[in-house]
All heavy atoms as atom14 arrays in JSON, in Angstrom:
{
  "sequence": "KGVLKYSSPQSEIRALIEGQMLARKSYATEMGFSFGEKT",
  "atom14_mask": [
    [1, 1, 1, 1, 1, 1, 1, 1, 1, 0, 0, 0, 0, 0],
    [1, 1, 1, 1, 0, 0, 0, 0, 0, 0, 0, 0, 0, 0],
    [1, 1, 1, 1, 1, 1, 1, 0, 0, 0, 0, 0, 0, 0],
    [1, 1, 1, 1, 1, 1, 1, 1, 0, 0, 0, 0, 0, 0],
    [1, 1, 1, 1, 1, 1, 1, 1, 1, 0, 0, 0, 0, 0],
    [1, 1, 1, 1, 1, 1, 1, 1, 1, 1, 1, 1, 0, 0],
    [1, 1, 1, 1, 1, 1, 0, 0, 0, 0, 0, 0, 0, 0],
    [1, 1, 1, 1, 1, 1, 0, 0, 0, 0, 0, 0, 0, 0],
    [1, 1, 1, 1, 1, 1, 1, 0, 0, 0, 0, 0, 0, 0],
    [1, 1, 1, 1, 1, 1, 1, 1, 1, 0, 0, 0, 0, 0],
    [1, 1, 1, 1, 1, 1, 0, 0, 0, 0, 0, 0, 0, 0],
    [1, 1, 1, 1, 1, 1, 1, 1, 1, 0, 0, 0, 0, 0],
    [1, 1, 1, 1, 1, 1, 1, 1, 0, 0, 0, 0, 0, 0],
    [1, 1, 1, 1, 1, 1, 1, 1, 1, 1, 1, 0, 0, 0],
    [1, 1, 1, 1, 1, 0, 0, 0, 0, 0, 0, 0, 0, 0],
    [1, 1, 1, 1, 1, 1, 1, 1, 0, 0, 0, 0, 0, 0],
    [1, 1, 1, 1, 1, 1, 1, 1, 0, 0, 0, 0, 0, 0],
    [1, 1, 1, 1, 1, 1, 1, 1, 1, 0, 0, 0, 0, 0],
    [1, 1, 1, 1, 0, 0, 0, 0, 0, 0, 0, 0, 0, 0],
    [1, 1, 1, 1, 1, 1, 1, 1, 1, 0, 0, 0, 0, 0],
    [1, 1, 1, 1, 1, 1, 1, 1, 0, 0, 0, 0, 0, 0],
    [1, 1, 1, 1, 1, 1, 1, 1, 0, 0, 0, 0, 0, 0],
    [1, 1, 1, 1, 1, 0, 0, 0, 0, 0, 0, 0, 0, 0],
    [1, 1, 1, 1, 1, 1, 1, 1, 1, 1, 1, 0, 0, 0],
    [1, 1, 1, 1, 1, 1, 1, 1, 1, 0, 0, 0, 0, 0],
    [1, 1, 1, 1, 1, 1, 0, 0, 0, 0, 0, 0, 0, 0],
    [1, 1, 1, 1, 1, 1, 1, 1, 1, 1, 1, 1, 0, 0],
    [1, 1, 1, 1, 1, 0, 0, 0, 0, 0, 0, 0, 0, 0],
    [1, 1, 1, 1, 1, 1, 1, 0, 0, 0, 0, 0, 0, 0],
    [1, 1, 1, 1, 1, 1, 1, 1, 1, 0, 0, 0, 0, 0],
    [1, 1, 1, 1, 1, 1, 1, 1, 0, 0, 0, 0, 0, 0],
    [1, 1, 1, 1, 0, 0, 0, 0, 0, 0, 0, 0, 0, 0],
    [1, 1, 1, 1, 1, 1, 1, 1, 1, 1, 1, 0, 0, 0],
    [1, 1, 1, 1, 1, 1, 0, 0, 0, 0, 0, 0, 0, 0],
    [1, 1, 1, 1, 1, 1, 1, 1, 1, 1, 1, 0, 0, 0],
    [1, 1, 1, 1, 0, 0, 0, 0, 0, 0, 0, 0, 0, 0],
    [1, 1, 1, 1, 1, 1, 1, 1, 1, 0, 0, 0, 0, 0],
    [1, 1, 1, 1, 1, 1, 1, 1, 1, 0, 0, 0, 0, 0],
    [1, 1, 1, 1, 1, 1, 1, 0, 0, 0, 0, 0, 0, 0]
  ],
  "atom14_positions": [
    [[10.12, -9.16, 12.24], [10.16, -10.29, 11.27], [8.79, -10.59, 10.71], [8.65, -11.29, 9.68], [10.74, -11.55, 11.95], [12.19, -11.44, 12.33], [12.65, -12.71, 13.03], [14.1, -12.64, 13.44], [14.58, -13.87, 14.15], [0.0, 0.0, 0.0], [0.0, 0.0, 0.0], [0.0, 0.0, 0.0], [0.0, 0.0, 0.0], [0.0, 0.0, 0.0]],
    [[7.77, -10.09, 11.36], [6.4, -10.27, 10.89], [5.84, -11.65, 11.16], [6.36, -12.41, 12.02], [0.0, 0.0, 0.0], [0.0, 0.0, 0.0], [0.0, 0.0, 0.0], [0.0, 0.0, 0.0], [0.0, 0.0, 0.0], [0.0, 0.0, 0.0], [0.0, 0.0, 0.0], [0.0, 0.0, 0.0], [0.0, 0.0, 0.0], [0.0, 0.0, 0.0]],
    [[4.84, -12.03, 10.4], [4.17, -13.34, 10.57], [4.21, -14.11, 9.25], [4.39, -13.53, 8.18], [2.68, -13.15, 11.0], [2.61, -12.46, 12.35], [1.9, -12.34, 9.96], [0.0, 0.0, 0.0], [0.0, 0.0, 0.0], [0.0, 0.0, 0.0], [0.0, 0.0, 0.0], [0.0, 0.0, 0.0], [0.0, 0.0, 0.0], [0.0, 0.0, 0.0]],
    [[4.06, -15.41, 9.34], [4.13, -16.25, 8.15], [2.89, -16.14, 7.28], [2.98, -16.2, 6.06], [4.37, -17.73, 8.56], [5.72, -18.05, 9.17], [5.79, -19.53, 9.58], [6.85, -17.76, 8.17], [0.0, 0.0, 0.0], [0.0, 0.0, 0.0], [0.0, 0.0, 0.0], [0.0, 0.0, 0.0], [0.0, 0.0, 0.0], [0.0, 0.0, 0.0]],
    [[1.73, -15.99, 7.91], [0.51, -15.84, 7.16], [-0.57, -15.25, 8.05], [-0.43, -15.25, 9.29], [0.05, -17.16, 6.56], [-0.34, -18.23, 7.63], [-0.82, -19.49, 6.93], [-1.24, -20.53, 7.96], [-1.73, -21.8, 7.33], [0.0, 0.0, 0.0], [0.0, 0.0, 0.0], [0.0, 0.0, 0.0], [0.0, 0.0, 0.0], [0.0, 0.0, 0.0]],
    [[-1.63, -14.8, 7.41], [-2.77, -14.25, 8.15], [-3.85, -15.32, 8.33], [-3.8, -16.37, 7.66], [-3.34, -13.01, 7.47], [-2.37, -11.87, 7.34], [-2.03, -11.33, 6.09], [-1.78, -11.31, 8.46], [-1.13, -10.27, 5.98], [-0.89, -10.26, 8.37], [-0.58, -9.77, 7.11], [0.33, -8.73, 7.04], [0.0, 0.0, 0.0], [0.0, 0.0, 0.0]],
    [[-4.77, -15.05, 9.19], [-5.75, -16.05, 9.56], [-6.85, -16.26, 8.5], [-7.59, -17.24, 8.57], [-6.44, -15.66, 10.89], [-7.08, -14.39, 10.77], [0.0, 0.0, 0.0], [0.0, 0.0, 0.0], [0.0, 0.0, 0.0], [0.0, 0.0, 0.0], [0.0, 0.0, 0.0], [0.0, 0.0, 0.0], [0.0, 0.0, 0.0], [0.0, 0.0, 0.0]],
    [[-6.97, -15.36, 7.53], [-8.03, -15.5, 6.55], [-7.58, -15.04, 5.16], [-6.69, -14.15, 5.05], [-9.25, -14.66, 6.99], [-8.97, -13.29, 6.89], [0.0, 0.0, 0.0], [0.0, 0.0, 0.0], [0.0, 0.0, 0.0], [0.0, 0.0, 0.0], [0.0, 0.0, 0.0], [0.0, 0.0, 0.0], [0.0, 0.0, 0.0], [0.0, 0.0, 0.0]],
    [[-8.18, -15.54, 4.1], [-7.85, -15.07, 2.75], [-8.25, -13.59, 2.56], [-7.62, -12.9, 1.78], [-8.64, -16.0, 1.84], [-9.74, -16.57, 2.69], [-9.14, -16.66, 4.08], [0.0, 0.0, 0.0], [0.0, 0.0, 0.0], [0.0, 0.0, 0.0], [0.0, 0.0, 0.0], [0.0, 0.0, 0.0], [0.0, 0.0, 0.0], [0.0, 0.0, 0.0]],
    [[-9.27, -13.16, 3.28], [-9.7, -11.77, 3.19], [-8.52, -10.86, 3.59], [-8.23, -9.87, 2.93], [-10.89, -11.48, 4.1], [-12.19, -12.17, 3.69], [-12.39, -13.48, 4.42], [-11.46, -14.26, 4.58], [-13.61, -13.71, 4.87], [0.0, 0.0, 0.0], [0.0, 0.0, 0.0], [0.0, 0.0, 0.0], [0.0, 0.0, 0.0], [0.0, 0.0, 0.0]],
    [[-7.91, -11.18, 4.73], [-6.83, -10.36, 5.21], [-5.63, -10.4, 4.26], [-4.94, -9.38, 4.03], [-6.36, -10.82, 6.62], [-7.38, -10.57, 7.56], [0.0, 0.0, 0.0], [0.0, 0.0, 0.0], [0.0, 0.0, 0.0], [0.0, 0.0, 0.0], [0.0, 0.0, 0.0], [0.0, 0.0, 0.0], [0.0, 0.0, 0.0], [0.0, 0.0, 0.0]],
    [[-5.38, -11.6, 3.7], [-4.23, -11.73, 2.76], [-4.44, -10.84, 1.53], [-3.53, -10.14, 1.1], [-4.12, -13.2, 2.31], [-3.61, -14.16, 3.37], [-2.12, -14.07, 3.6], [-1.46, -13.16, 3.02], [-1.6, -14.89, 4.36], [0.0, 0.0, 0.0], [0.0, 0.0, 0.0], [0.0, 0.0, 0.0], [0.0, 0.0, 0.0], [0.0, 0.0, 0.0]],
    [[-5.62, -10.84, 0.99], [-5.89, -10.1, -0.26], [-5.86, -8.59, 0.0], [-5.25, -7.83, -0.75], [-7.21, -10.55, -0.9], [-7.02, -11.94, -1.5], [-7.71, -9.55, -1.89], [-8.26, -12.57, -2.05], [0.0, 0.0, 0.0], [0.0, 0.0, 0.0], [0.0, 0.0, 0.0], [0.0, 0.0, 0.0], [0.0, 0.0, 0.0], [0.0, 0.0, 0.0]],
    [[-6.51, -8.13, 1.08], [-6.48, -6.7, 1.35], [-5.05, -6.24, 1.72], [-4.63, -5.14, 1.32], [-7.46, -6.3, 2.45], [-7.43, -4.81, 2.77], [-8.66, -4.33, 3.5], [-9.79, -4.19, 2.61], [-10.04, -3.1, 1.91], [-9.21, -2.03, 1.94], [-11.11, -3.01, 1.13], [0.0, 0.0, 0.0], [0.0, 0.0, 0.0], [0.0, 0.0, 0.0]],
    [[-4.31, -7.06, 2.42], [-2.93, -6.69, 2.78], [-2.07, -6.56, 1.5], [-1.24, -5.67, 1.43], [-2.34, -7.77, 3.68], [0.0, 0.0, 0.0], [0.0, 0.0, 0.0], [0.0, 0.0, 0.0], [0.0, 0.0, 0.0], [0.0, 0.0, 0.0], [0.0, 0.0, 0.0], [0.0, 0.0, 0.0], [0.0, 0.0, 0.0], [0.0, 0.0, 0.0]],
    [[-2.33, -7.41, 0.52], [-1.59, -7.34, -0.77], [-1.93, -6.04, -1.48], [-1.01, -5.28, -1.85], [-2.0, -8.52, -1.67], [-1.63, -8.37, -3.15], [-0.14, -8.45, -3.36], [-2.38, -9.42, -3.98], [0.0, 0.0, 0.0], [0.0, 0.0, 0.0], [0.0, 0.0, 0.0], [0.0, 0.0, 0.0], [0.0, 0.0, 0.0], [0.0, 0.0, 0.0]],
    [[-3.21, -5.75, -1.67], [-3.58, -4.58, -2.47], [-3.23, -3.29, -1.77], [-2.7, -2.37, -2.4], [-5.11, -4.63, -2.78], [-5.49, -5.9, -3.55], [-5.51, -3.38, -3.59], [-4.74, -6.09, -4.86], [0.0, 0.0, 0.0], [0.0, 0.0, 0.0], [0.0, 0.0, 0.0], [0.0, 0.0, 0.0], [0.0, 0.0, 0.0], [0.0, 0.0, 0.0]],
    [[-3.46, -3.18, -0.46], [-3.09, -1.98, 0.22], [-1.58, -1.79, 0.21], [-1.09, -0.66, 0.07], [-3.63, -2.0, 1.65], [-5.15, -1.87, 1.74], [-5.71, -1.75, 3.16], [-4.99, -2.19, 4.1], [-6.81, -1.26, 3.31], [0.0, 0.0, 0.0], [0.0, 0.0, 0.0], [0.0, 0.0, 0.0], [0.0, 0.0, 0.0], [0.0, 0.0, 0.0]],
    [[-0.83, -2.87, 0.4], [0.63, -2.77, 0.35], [1.12, -2.3, -1.0], [2.03, -1.43, -1.1], [0.0, 0.0, 0.0], [0.0, 0.0, 0.0], [0.0, 0.0, 0.0], [0.0, 0.0, 0.0], [0.0, 0.0, 0.0], [0.0, 0.0, 0.0], [0.0, 0.0, 0.0], [0.0, 0.0, 0.0], [0.0, 0.0, 0.0], [0.0, 0.0, 0.0]],
    [[0.52, -2.81, -2.08], [0.95, -2.39, -3.43], [0.65, -0.9, -3.63], [1.5, -0.17, -4.17], [0.19, -3.2, -4.49], [0.68, -4.61, -4.66], [-0.02, -5.33, -5.84], [-1.15, -5.05, -6.18], [0.75, -6.21, -6.49], [0.0, 0.0, 0.0], [0.0, 0.0, 0.0], [0.0, 0.0, 0.0], [0.0, 0.0, 0.0], [0.0, 0.0, 0.0]],
    [[-0.51, -0.44, -3.23], [-0.86, 0.95, -3.48], [-0.1, 1.94, -2.59], [0.22, 3.05, -2.99], [-2.37, 1.15, -3.35], [-3.16, 0.33, -4.36], [-2.48, 0.51, -6.05], [-2.85, -1.1, -6.76], [0.0, 0.0, 0.0], [0.0, 0.0, 0.0], [0.0, 0.0, 0.0], [0.0, 0.0, 0.0], [0.0, 0.0, 0.0], [0.0, 0.0, 0.0]],
    [[0.22, 1.52, -1.36], [1.09, 2.32, -0.54], [2.43, 2.49, -1.17], [3.04, 3.59, -1.11], [1.21, 1.71, 0.86], [-0.01, 1.86, 1.78], [0.08, 0.89, 2.95], [-0.17, 3.3, 2.26], [0.0, 0.0, 0.0], [0.0, 0.0, 0.0], [0.0, 0.0, 0.0], [0.0, 0.0, 0.0], [0.0, 0.0, 0.0], [0.0, 0.0, 0.0]],
    [[2.94, 1.43, -1.77], [4.24, 1.53, -2.49], [4.17, 2.54, -3.62], [5.09, 3.32, -3.85], [4.65, 0.15, -2.97], [0.0, 0.0, 0.0], [0.0, 0.0, 0.0], [0.0, 0.0, 0.0], [0.0, 0.0, 0.0], [0.0, 0.0, 0.0], [0.0, 0.0, 0.0], [0.0, 0.0, 0.0], [0.0, 0.0, 0.0], [0.0, 0.0, 0.0]],
    [[3.05, 2.46, -4.4], [2.92, 3.35, -5.55], [2.88, 4.84, -5.1], [3.51, 5.71, -5.68], [1.68, 3.05, -6.34], [1.44, 1.65, -6.95], [2.66, 0.8, -7.11], [2.31, -0.54, -7.56], [2.91, -1.64, -7.12], [3.86, -1.54, -6.2], [2.6, -2.81, -7.64], [0.0, 0.0, 0.0], [0.0, 0.0, 0.0], [0.0, 0.0, 0.0]],
    [[2.1, 5.07, -4.01], [1.98, 6.46, -3.54], [3.32, 6.94, -2.97], [3.72, 8.09, -3.15], [0.89, 6.58, -2.48], [0.71, 8.03, -2.04], [-0.45, 8.2, -1.07], [-0.62, 9.69, -0.7], [-1.74, 9.92, 0.24], [0.0, 0.0, 0.0], [0.0, 0.0, 0.0], [0.0, 0.0, 0.0], [0.0, 0.0, 0.0], [0.0, 0.0, 0.0]],
    [[4.0, 6.08, -2.25], [5.27, 6.47, -1.64], [6.26, 6.94, -2.69], [6.89, 8.01, -2.51], [5.88, 5.26, -0.88], [7.19, 5.55, -0.42], [0.0, 0.0, 0.0], [0.0, 0.0, 0.0], [0.0, 0.0, 0.0], [0.0, 0.0, 0.0], [0.0, 0.0, 0.0], [0.0, 0.0, 0.0], [0.0, 0.0, 0.0], [0.0, 0.0, 0.0]],
    [[6.38, 6.2, -3.8], [7.37, 6.6, -4.8], [6.88, 7.71, -5.69], [7.71, 8.46, -6.21], [7.83, 5.38, -5.6], [8.78, 4.57, -4.77], [8.38, 3.44, -4.04], [10.11, 4.98, -4.58], [9.25, 2.76, -3.22], [11.0, 4.31, -3.77], [10.58, 3.19, -3.1], [11.42, 2.51, -2.26], [0.0, 0.0, 0.0], [0.0, 0.0, 0.0]],
    [[5.58, 7.89, -5.86], [5.07, 9.04, -6.56], [5.43, 10.31, -5.78], [5.83, 11.34, -6.35], [3.55, 8.94, -6.73], [0.0, 0.0, 0.0], [0.0, 0.0, 0.0], [0.0, 0.0, 0.0], [0.0, 0.0, 0.0], [0.0, 0.0, 0.0], [0.0, 0.0, 0.0], [0.0, 0.0, 0.0], [0.0, 0.0, 0.0], [0.0, 0.0, 0.0]],
    [[5.34, 10.24, -4.43], [5.69, 11.37, -3.61], [7.2, 11.66, -3.7], [7.61, 12.8, -3.82], [5.32, 11.07, -2.13], [3.94, 10.78, -2.07], [5.65, 12.25, -1.24], [0.0, 0.0, 0.0], [0.0, 0.0, 0.0], [0.0, 0.0, 0.0], [0.0, 0.0, 0.0], [0.0, 0.0, 0.0], [0.0, 0.0, 0.0], [0.0, 0.0, 0.0]],
    [[7.99, 10.58, -3.67], [9.45, 10.79, -3.76], [9.89, 11.32, -5.09], [10.9, 12.03, -5.2], [10.17, 9.47, -3.45], [10.06, 9.02, -2.01], [10.96, 7.86, -1.66], [11.91, 7.6, -2.45], [10.74, 7.22, -0.64], [0.0, 0.0, 0.0], [0.0, 0.0, 0.0], [0.0, 0.0, 0.0], [0.0, 0.0, 0.0], [0.0, 0.0, 0.0]],
    [[9.09, 11.05, -6.13], [9.38, 11.58, -7.44], [9.03, 13.07, -7.57], [9.36, 13.71, -8.54], [8.61, 10.8, -8.52], [9.12, 9.41, -8.78], [7.92, 8.48, -9.76], [7.79, 9.47, -11.23], [0.0, 0.0, 0.0], [0.0, 0.0, 0.0], [0.0, 0.0, 0.0], [0.0, 0.0, 0.0], [0.0, 0.0, 0.0], [0.0, 0.0, 0.0]],
    [[8.33, 13.58, -6.57], [8.05, 15.02, -6.54], [6.59, 15.35, -6.8], [6.26, 16.55, -6.86], [0.0, 0.0, 0.0], [0.0, 0.0, 0.0], [0.0, 0.0, 0.0], [0.0, 0.0, 0.0], [0.0, 0.0, 0.0], [0.0, 0.0, 0.0], [0.0, 0.0, 0.0], [0.0, 0.0, 0.0], [0.0, 0.0, 0.0], [0.0, 0.0, 0.0]],
    [[5.71, 14.36, -6.95], [4.32, 14.68, -7.16], [3.72, 15.21, -5.85], [3.88, 14.63, -4.8], [3.53, 13.44, -7.63], [2.14, 13.76, -8.07], [1.89, 14.12, -9.37], [1.07, 13.7, -7.18], [0.6, 14.42, -9.8], [-0.23, 14.02, -7.59], [-0.45, 14.39, -8.9], [0.0, 0.0, 0.0], [0.0, 0.0, 0.0], [0.0, 0.0, 0.0]],
    [[3.0, 16.31, -5.97], [2.42, 16.96, -4.81], [0.93, 16.6, -4.72], [0.17, 16.99, -5.58], [2.62, 18.47, -4.88], [2.03, 19.11, -3.77], [0.0, 0.0, 0.0], [0.0, 0.0, 0.0], [0.0, 0.0, 0.0], [0.0, 0.0, 0.0], [0.0, 0.0, 0.0], [0.0, 0.0, 0.0], [0.0, 0.0, 0.0], [0.0, 0.0, 0.0]],
    [[0.57, 15.87, -3.67], [-0.82, 15.5, -3.49], [-1.57, 16.6, -2.72], [-1.07, 17.2, -1.78], [-0.89, 14.18, -2.69], [-0.44, 13.0, -3.5], [0.87, 12.56, -3.48], [-1.36, 12.29, -4.27], [1.3, 11.47, -4.22], [-0.94, 11.2, -5.04], [0.37, 10.78, -4.99], [0.0, 0.0, 0.0], [0.0, 0.0, 0.0], [0.0, 0.0, 0.0]],
    [[-2.78, 16.84, -3.17], [-3.61, 17.85, -2.52], [-5.08, 17.62, -2.8], [-5.47, 16.59, -3.34], [0.0, 0.0, 0.0], [0.0, 0.0, 0.0], [0.0, 0.0, 0.0], [0.0, 0.0, 0.0], [0.0, 0.0, 0.0], [0.0, 0.0, 0.0], [0.0, 0.0, 0.0], [0.0, 0.0, 0.0], [0.0, 0.0, 0.0], [0.0, 0.0, 0.0]],
    [[-5.91, 18.6, -2.44], [-7.34, 18.46, -2.57], [-7.78, 18.28, -4.05], [-8.82, 17.68, -4.33], [-8.06, 19.68, -1.99], [-7.88, 19.81, -0.48], [-8.65, 21.0, 0.09], [-9.25, 21.72, -0.74], [-8.63, 21.23, 1.32], [0.0, 0.0, 0.0], [0.0, 0.0, 0.0], [0.0, 0.0, 0.0], [0.0, 0.0, 0.0], [0.0, 0.0, 0.0]],
    [[-7.02, 18.82, -5.0], [-7.39, 18.79, -6.41], [-6.84, 17.55, -7.12], [-7.11, 17.34, -8.31], [-6.92, 20.04, -7.11], [-7.58, 21.32, -6.61], [-7.09, 22.51, -7.41], [-7.74, 23.8, -6.91], [-7.27, 24.99, -7.68], [0.0, 0.0, 0.0], [0.0, 0.0, 0.0], [0.0, 0.0, 0.0], [0.0, 0.0, 0.0], [0.0, 0.0, 0.0]],
    [[-6.06, 16.72, -6.42], [-5.46, 15.57, -7.05], [-6.49, 14.61, -7.58], [-7.47, 14.3, -6.92], [-4.54, 14.83, -6.08], [-3.46, 15.71, -5.65], [-3.92, 13.6, -6.73], [0.0, 0.0, 0.0], [0.0, 0.0, 0.0], [0.0, 0.0, 0.0], [0.0, 0.0, 0.0], [0.0, 0.0, 0.0], [0.0, 0.0, 0.0], [0.0, 0.0, 0.0]]
  ]
}
């Protein structure tokens, strides 16, 4: 169920941005984009 909030605004902001970008990469991969050294 997770937690209601984090102890600092720093954690809140990084959690937001990292979560957003993980979502973008996840669906780029599912769409068939192949990540590698030249990406």
